[in-house]
Amino acid sequence: MTDRNRNDGRFNKADPGKIERDAATKAVLDNMAKLKALRLAREAAEPPRPAAAAKKPRAKSKPSDEKAPALSDWLASQQNGGRRT
């Protein structure tokens, strides 16, 4: 028996584990296809849903006319307040 025939024989043998995995994979794919078909049929049968209502903008917590203190003022107040980082 030559090396080529020996290698071909190795790959042509049926692996029981691979056969089971292939069967399980095929079962999962078939189930997914069936469920997808059922979902599409259900969606086609029901009336179209109205568009989602636009959300109301939230009120701002701080009026925009108030200015934030300058960075140097804020840093000075932090140091005076006991925070030294």
Protein backbone atom coordinates (compact mmCIF):
# COMPACT_ATOMS: atom_id res chain seq x y z
CA MET A 1 0.00 0.00 0.00
CA THR A 2 1.47 3.35 -0.97
CA ASP A 3 1.50 6.45 1.21
CA ARG A 4 -1.10 8.11 -0.98
CA ASN A 5 -3.58 5.26 -0.59
CA ARG A 6 -2.98 5.19 3.14
CA ASN A 7 -3.66 8.94 3.46
CA ASP A 8 -6.80 8.69 1.35
CA GLY A 9 -8.07 5.88 3.55
CA ARG A 10 -7.63 7.99 6.65
CA PHE A 11 -9.82 10.79 5.34
CA ASN A 12 -12.50 8.53 3.86
CA LYS A 13 -13.29 6.79 7.14
CA ALA A 14 -16.52 7.92 8.72
CA ASP A 15 -15.90 9.56 12.09
CA PRO A 16 -18.90 8.85 14.36
CA GLY A 17 -18.38 12.10 16.27
CA LYS A 18 -18.38 14.15 13.08
CA ILE A 19 -21.53 12.47 11.86
CA GLU A 20 -23.31 13.31 15.12
CA ARG A 21 -22.08 16.92 15.01
CA ASP A 22 -23.23 17.27 11.41
CA ALA A 23 -26.65 15.86 12.28
CA ALA A 24 -26.98 18.21 15.27
CA THR A 25 -25.90 21.19 13.18
CA LYS A 26 -28.40 20.30 10.46
CA ALA A 27 -31.18 19.97 13.05
CA VAL A 28 -30.37 23.39 14.53
CA LEU A 29 -30.26 25.04 11.10
CA ASP A 30 -33.54 23.42 10.07
CA ASN A 31 -35.18 24.59 13.31
CA MET A 32 -33.89 28.15 12.78
CA ALA A 33 -35.24 28.18 9.22
CA LYS A 34 -38.63 26.94 10.42
CA LEU A 35 -38.81 29.56 13.17
CA LYS A 36 -37.80 32.31 10.75
CA ALA A 37 -40.53 31.28 8.33
CA LEU A 38 -43.09 31.31 11.15
CA ARG A 39 -41.94 34.75 12.31
CA LEU A 40 -42.11 36.20 8.81
CA ALA A 41 -45.59 34.75 8.30
CA ARG A 42 -46.77 36.18 11.62
CA GLU A 43 -45.31 39.62 10.82
CA ALA A 44 -46.92 39.60 7.38
CA ALA A 45 -50.33 38.74 8.88
CA GLU A 46 -50.40 41.47 11.54
CA PRO A 47 -51.13 45.10 10.67
CA PRO A 48 -48.16 47.46 10.47
CA ARG A 49 -47.15 49.05 13.73
CA PRO A 50 -47.31 52.82 14.11
CA ALA A 51 -44.04 54.69 14.24
CA ALA A 52 -42.55 55.15 17.68
CA ALA A 53 -43.56 58.40 19.32
CA ALA A 54 -40.85 61.02 19.52
CA LYS A 55 -39.43 61.46 22.97
CA LYS A 56 -39.89 64.79 24.67
CA PRO A 57 -36.63 66.62 25.30
CA ARG A 58 -35.66 66.67 28.94
CA ALA A 59 -35.59 69.95 30.77
CA LYS A 60 -32.12 71.25 31.44
CA SER A 61 -31.15 71.29 35.08
CA LYS A 62 -29.23 74.54 34.79
CA PRO A 63 -30.44 77.53 32.76
CA SER A 64 -28.10 78.32 29.88
CA ASP A 65 -27.79 82.01 30.81
CA GLU A 66 -25.82 81.12 33.97
CA LYS A 67 -22.11 81.04 33.37
CA ALA A 68 -19.85 78.51 35.02
CA PRO A 69 -17.07 80.03 37.13
CA ALA A 70 -13.70 80.42 35.48
CA LEU A 71 -11.34 77.51 35.91
CA SER A 72 -8.87 79.53 37.96
CA ASP A 73 -11.67 80.64 40.33
CA TRP A 74 -12.90 77.08 40.69
CA LEU A 75 -9.39 75.76 41.40
CA ALA A 76 -8.84 78.48 43.99
CA SER A 77 -12.11 77.60 45.72
CA GLN A 78 -11.16 73.91 45.74
CA GLN A 79 -7.83 74.66 47.39
CA ASN A 80 -9.44 77.00 49.90
CA GLY A 81 -12.01 74.36 50.66
CA GLY A 82 -9.34 71.89 51.72
CA ARG A 83 -8.96 69.88 48.52
CA ARG A 84 -5.39 69.66 47.38
CA THR A 85 -4.89 67.24 44.59
